[in-house]
C-alpha cells in the first residue's frame, strides 16, 4: 500500500497536466488488469476452497481492489 500511496502522491503533486492524466489512467488500468487476473485465478481455484491459496488470493484481491478504488479518486 505504500507504493500505491507514493504513486498517488506523485500524480496529485504533478499539477494536473496531460502527463499526470496519462499516469493516473495508467495506474487505474494496471489495477483493473490486476483485478481481472486475480478473479481468473479465483475461478480456477473454486474447485479447491479448502486450499490456503484461496484465502491468500482473496486477501490480495481485496488489497488490489482498495488500491484501484483509491486510484479512482485521483482526478
Foldseek 3Di string as FASTA:
>chain_A
DVVLVVLLVVLVVPPDDPVSVVSLVVQLVVLVVVLVVLVVVLVVCPVPVVDPVNVVSVVVNVVSVVSNVVSVVRD
